[in-house]
Amino acid sequence: MPMSAAAIEEAILAALPGASVELTDLAGDDDHWAATVTAPQFVGKSRVAQHKMVYAAFGGRMGGELHALQVTTKLPT
C-alpha cells in the first residue's frame, strides 16, 4: 500500500521539526511524489547532506511503502 501524503509530511516533520513541506503527486497514483522541504536544519549543510536528512526520515520504507520521492531542499528566508 502506498504511503499517503499525510504520512510523508508527518515523517519529514518528525525528523525536521519546524520544516515546511510541499508535496506533489507526480503520477496521480499516490506512489510517486515530489517534496519541497524548507528547513532551518539545512543551514550550513551541503545539498547532498540536506537530501540525506530528508531520506533518513523514512528509514527502510524507501523503495517499499514509499516507492519514489523526488526531493528539493531550500533554506528558510
N, C-alpha and C. Protein backbone atom coordinates (compact mmCIF):
# COMPACT_ATOMS: atom_id res chain seq x y z
N MET A 1 0.85 -1.18 0.00
CA MET A 1 0.00 0.00 0.00
C MET A 1 0.89 1.24 0.00
N PRO A 2 0.62 2.19 -0.89
CA PRO A 2 1.44 3.40 -0.97
C PRO A 2 1.33 4.25 0.29
N MET A 3 2.34 5.05 0.52
CA MET A 3 2.36 5.97 1.66
C MET A 3 1.56 7.22 1.29
N SER A 4 0.68 7.65 2.16
CA SER A 4 -0.16 8.82 1.90
C SER A 4 0.66 10.11 2.04
N ALA A 5 0.12 11.17 1.46
CA ALA A 5 0.76 12.48 1.57
C ALA A 5 0.89 12.88 3.04
N ALA A 6 -0.14 12.62 3.82
CA ALA A 6 -0.11 12.97 5.25
C ALA A 6 1.00 12.22 5.97
N ALA A 7 1.19 10.94 5.64
CA ALA A 7 2.23 10.14 6.29
C ALA A 7 3.63 10.61 5.87
N ILE A 8 3.78 11.01 4.61
CA ILE A 8 5.07 11.53 4.14
C ILE A 8 5.40 12.83 4.88
N GLU A 9 4.44 13.73 4.94
CA GLU A 9 4.66 15.00 5.63
C GLU A 9 4.96 14.76 7.11
N GLU A 10 4.22 13.86 7.74
CA GLU A 10 4.42 13.55 9.16
C GLU A 10 5.84 13.03 9.41
N ALA A 11 6.32 12.15 8.54
CA ALA A 11 7.67 11.58 8.70
C ALA A 11 8.73 12.67 8.57
N ILE A 12 8.57 13.55 7.59
CA ILE A 12 9.55 14.62 7.39
C ILE A 12 9.53 15.58 8.57
N LEU A 13 8.34 15.96 9.03
CA LEU A 13 8.25 16.90 10.14
C LEU A 13 8.76 16.30 11.45
N ALA A 14 8.61 14.99 11.61
CA ALA A 14 9.15 14.34 12.81
C ALA A 14 10.68 14.39 12.82
N ALA A 15 11.27 14.25 11.64
CA ALA A 15 12.73 14.27 11.52
C ALA A 15 13.29 15.69 11.49
N LEU A 16 12.50 16.62 10.96
CA LEU A 16 12.95 18.00 10.79
C LEU A 16 11.90 18.96 11.37
N PRO A 17 11.79 19.04 12.69
CA PRO A 17 10.79 19.92 13.30
C PRO A 17 10.95 21.36 12.82
N GLY A 18 9.83 21.99 12.54
CA GLY A 18 9.85 23.37 12.08
C GLY A 18 10.00 23.51 10.58
N ALA A 19 10.11 22.38 9.88
CA ALA A 19 10.25 22.42 8.42
C ALA A 19 8.91 22.77 7.77
N SER A 20 9.01 23.22 6.55
CA SER A 20 7.85 23.43 5.69
C SER A 20 7.93 22.39 4.59
N VAL A 21 6.82 21.69 4.33
CA VAL A 21 6.81 20.61 3.34
C VAL A 21 5.70 20.86 2.32
N GLU A 22 6.07 20.83 1.04
CA GLU A 22 5.10 20.91 -0.05
C GLU A 22 5.21 19.62 -0.84
N LEU A 23 4.09 18.92 -1.03
CA LEU A 23 4.10 17.64 -1.74
C LEU A 23 3.30 17.73 -3.03
N THR A 24 3.79 17.05 -4.05
CA THR A 24 3.11 16.94 -5.33
C THR A 24 3.08 15.47 -5.73
N ASP A 25 1.88 14.97 -6.07
CA ASP A 25 1.73 13.60 -6.56
C ASP A 25 2.06 13.64 -8.05
N LEU A 26 3.23 13.14 -8.43
CA LEU A 26 3.74 13.29 -9.79
C LEU A 26 2.98 12.48 -10.83
N ALA A 27 2.44 11.32 -10.45
CA ALA A 27 1.80 10.44 -11.43
C ALA A 27 0.32 10.24 -11.16
N GLY A 28 -0.20 10.86 -10.11
CA GLY A 28 -1.61 10.70 -9.78
C GLY A 28 -1.93 9.33 -9.21
N ASP A 29 -0.89 8.63 -8.72
CA ASP A 29 -1.10 7.26 -8.23
C ASP A 29 -0.76 7.11 -6.74
N ASP A 30 -0.50 8.22 -6.05
CA ASP A 30 -0.11 8.19 -4.64
C ASP A 30 1.13 7.34 -4.39
N ASP A 31 1.97 7.16 -5.41
CA ASP A 31 3.14 6.30 -5.29
C ASP A 31 4.43 6.99 -5.76
N HIS A 32 4.29 8.10 -6.47
CA HIS A 32 5.44 8.85 -7.00
C HIS A 32 5.27 10.31 -6.55
N TRP A 33 6.12 10.73 -5.63
CA TRP A 33 5.95 12.04 -5.01
C TRP A 33 7.15 12.95 -5.26
N ALA A 34 6.88 14.25 -5.23
CA ALA A 34 7.92 15.27 -5.19
C ALA A 34 7.70 16.04 -3.90
N ALA A 35 8.77 16.28 -3.17
CA ALA A 35 8.69 17.04 -1.92
C ALA A 35 9.66 18.21 -1.99
N THR A 36 9.14 19.39 -1.68
CA THR A 36 9.98 20.56 -1.49
C THR A 36 10.00 20.82 0.01
N VAL A 37 11.18 20.74 0.58
CA VAL A 37 11.33 20.85 2.03
C VAL A 37 12.21 22.05 2.35
N THR A 38 11.68 22.96 3.16
CA THR A 38 12.43 24.11 3.64
C THR A 38 12.62 23.91 5.14
N ALA A 39 13.88 23.91 5.59
CA ALA A 39 14.12 23.62 7.00
C ALA A 39 15.34 24.38 7.53
N PRO A 40 15.23 24.89 8.75
CA PRO A 40 16.38 25.57 9.35
C PRO A 40 17.55 24.62 9.58
N GLN A 41 17.29 23.33 9.71
CA GLN A 41 18.36 22.35 9.92
C GLN A 41 19.29 22.24 8.72
N PHE A 42 18.90 22.77 7.57
CA PHE A 42 19.71 22.69 6.35
C PHE A 42 20.83 23.74 6.31
N VAL A 43 20.73 24.76 7.14
CA VAL A 43 21.73 25.84 7.13
C VAL A 43 23.11 25.25 7.40
N GLY A 44 24.05 25.59 6.50
CA GLY A 44 25.43 25.13 6.64
C GLY A 44 25.69 23.72 6.14
N LYS A 45 24.65 23.06 5.62
CA LYS A 45 24.79 21.69 5.11
C LYS A 45 24.85 21.72 3.58
N SER A 46 25.59 20.78 3.00
CA SER A 46 25.62 20.66 1.54
C SER A 46 24.27 20.15 1.04
N ARG A 47 24.03 20.32 -0.24
CA ARG A 47 22.78 19.85 -0.84
C ARG A 47 22.63 18.33 -0.63
N VAL A 48 23.73 17.60 -0.79
CA VAL A 48 23.69 16.15 -0.59
C VAL A 48 23.31 15.82 0.85
N ALA A 49 23.90 16.51 1.80
CA ALA A 49 23.59 16.28 3.22
C ALA A 49 22.13 16.61 3.51
N GLN A 50 21.62 17.68 2.90
CA GLN A 50 20.21 18.04 3.08
C GLN A 50 19.30 16.93 2.59
N HIS A 51 19.58 16.39 1.42
CA HIS A 51 18.75 15.33 0.85
C HIS A 51 18.83 14.07 1.72
N LYS A 52 20.02 13.76 2.21
CA LYS A 52 20.17 12.60 3.10
C LYS A 52 19.33 12.76 4.36
N MET A 53 19.24 13.98 4.87
CA MET A 53 18.43 14.24 6.06
C MET A 53 16.95 13.95 5.78
N VAL A 54 16.49 14.32 4.59
CA VAL A 54 15.09 14.07 4.24
C VAL A 54 14.87 12.57 4.06
N TYR A 55 15.71 11.91 3.29
CA TYR A 55 15.54 10.47 3.05
C TYR A 55 15.66 9.66 4.34
N ALA A 56 16.48 10.12 5.28
CA ALA A 56 16.64 9.41 6.56
C ALA A 56 15.33 9.37 7.35
N ALA A 57 14.45 10.31 7.08
CA ALA A 57 13.16 10.35 7.78
C ALA A 57 12.31 9.11 7.51
N PHE A 58 12.63 8.40 6.43
CA PHE A 58 11.80 7.26 6.03
C PHE A 58 12.40 5.91 6.38
N GLY A 59 13.60 5.91 6.93
CA GLY A 59 14.21 4.64 7.32
C GLY A 59 14.16 3.64 6.19
N GLY A 60 13.69 2.44 6.45
CA GLY A 60 13.63 1.37 5.46
C GLY A 60 12.40 1.40 4.58
N ARG A 61 11.59 2.45 4.67
CA ARG A 61 10.35 2.49 3.88
C ARG A 61 10.56 2.94 2.44
N MET A 62 11.73 3.54 2.13
CA MET A 62 12.01 3.95 0.75
C MET A 62 12.12 2.71 -0.13
N GLY A 63 11.48 2.77 -1.29
CA GLY A 63 11.51 1.65 -2.22
C GLY A 63 10.45 0.61 -1.94
N GLY A 64 9.78 0.73 -0.82
CA GLY A 64 8.71 -0.19 -0.47
C GLY A 64 7.41 0.58 -0.34
N GLU A 65 7.09 0.93 0.90
CA GLU A 65 5.89 1.70 1.18
C GLU A 65 5.91 3.05 0.44
N LEU A 66 7.10 3.64 0.35
CA LEU A 66 7.29 4.88 -0.40
C LEU A 66 8.15 4.54 -1.61
N HIS A 67 7.50 4.42 -2.76
CA HIS A 67 8.18 3.92 -3.96
C HIS A 67 9.18 4.93 -4.53
N ALA A 68 8.75 6.18 -4.69
CA ALA A 68 9.62 7.18 -5.33
C ALA A 68 9.38 8.55 -4.70
N LEU A 69 10.48 9.23 -4.39
CA LEU A 69 10.40 10.57 -3.81
C LEU A 69 11.48 11.44 -4.43
N GLN A 70 11.03 12.46 -5.15
CA GLN A 70 11.94 13.47 -5.71
C GLN A 70 12.04 14.60 -4.69
N VAL A 71 13.24 14.94 -4.28
CA VAL A 71 13.42 15.91 -3.20
C VAL A 71 14.07 17.19 -3.71
N THR A 72 13.49 18.32 -3.31
CA THR A 72 14.09 19.64 -3.48
C THR A 72 14.20 20.24 -2.10
N THR A 73 15.37 20.73 -1.74
CA THR A 73 15.54 21.34 -0.42
C THR A 73 15.84 22.83 -0.57
N LYS A 74 15.38 23.58 0.43
CA LYS A 74 15.59 25.03 0.43
C LYS A 74 15.93 25.49 1.84
N LEU A 75 16.65 26.59 1.90
CA LEU A 75 16.93 27.24 3.18
C LEU A 75 15.83 28.24 3.47
N PRO A 76 15.49 28.42 4.75
CA PRO A 76 14.47 29.42 5.07
C PRO A 76 14.98 30.83 4.74
N THR A 77 14.05 31.69 4.40
CA THR A 77 14.42 33.08 4.07
C THR A 77 14.03 34.02 5.18
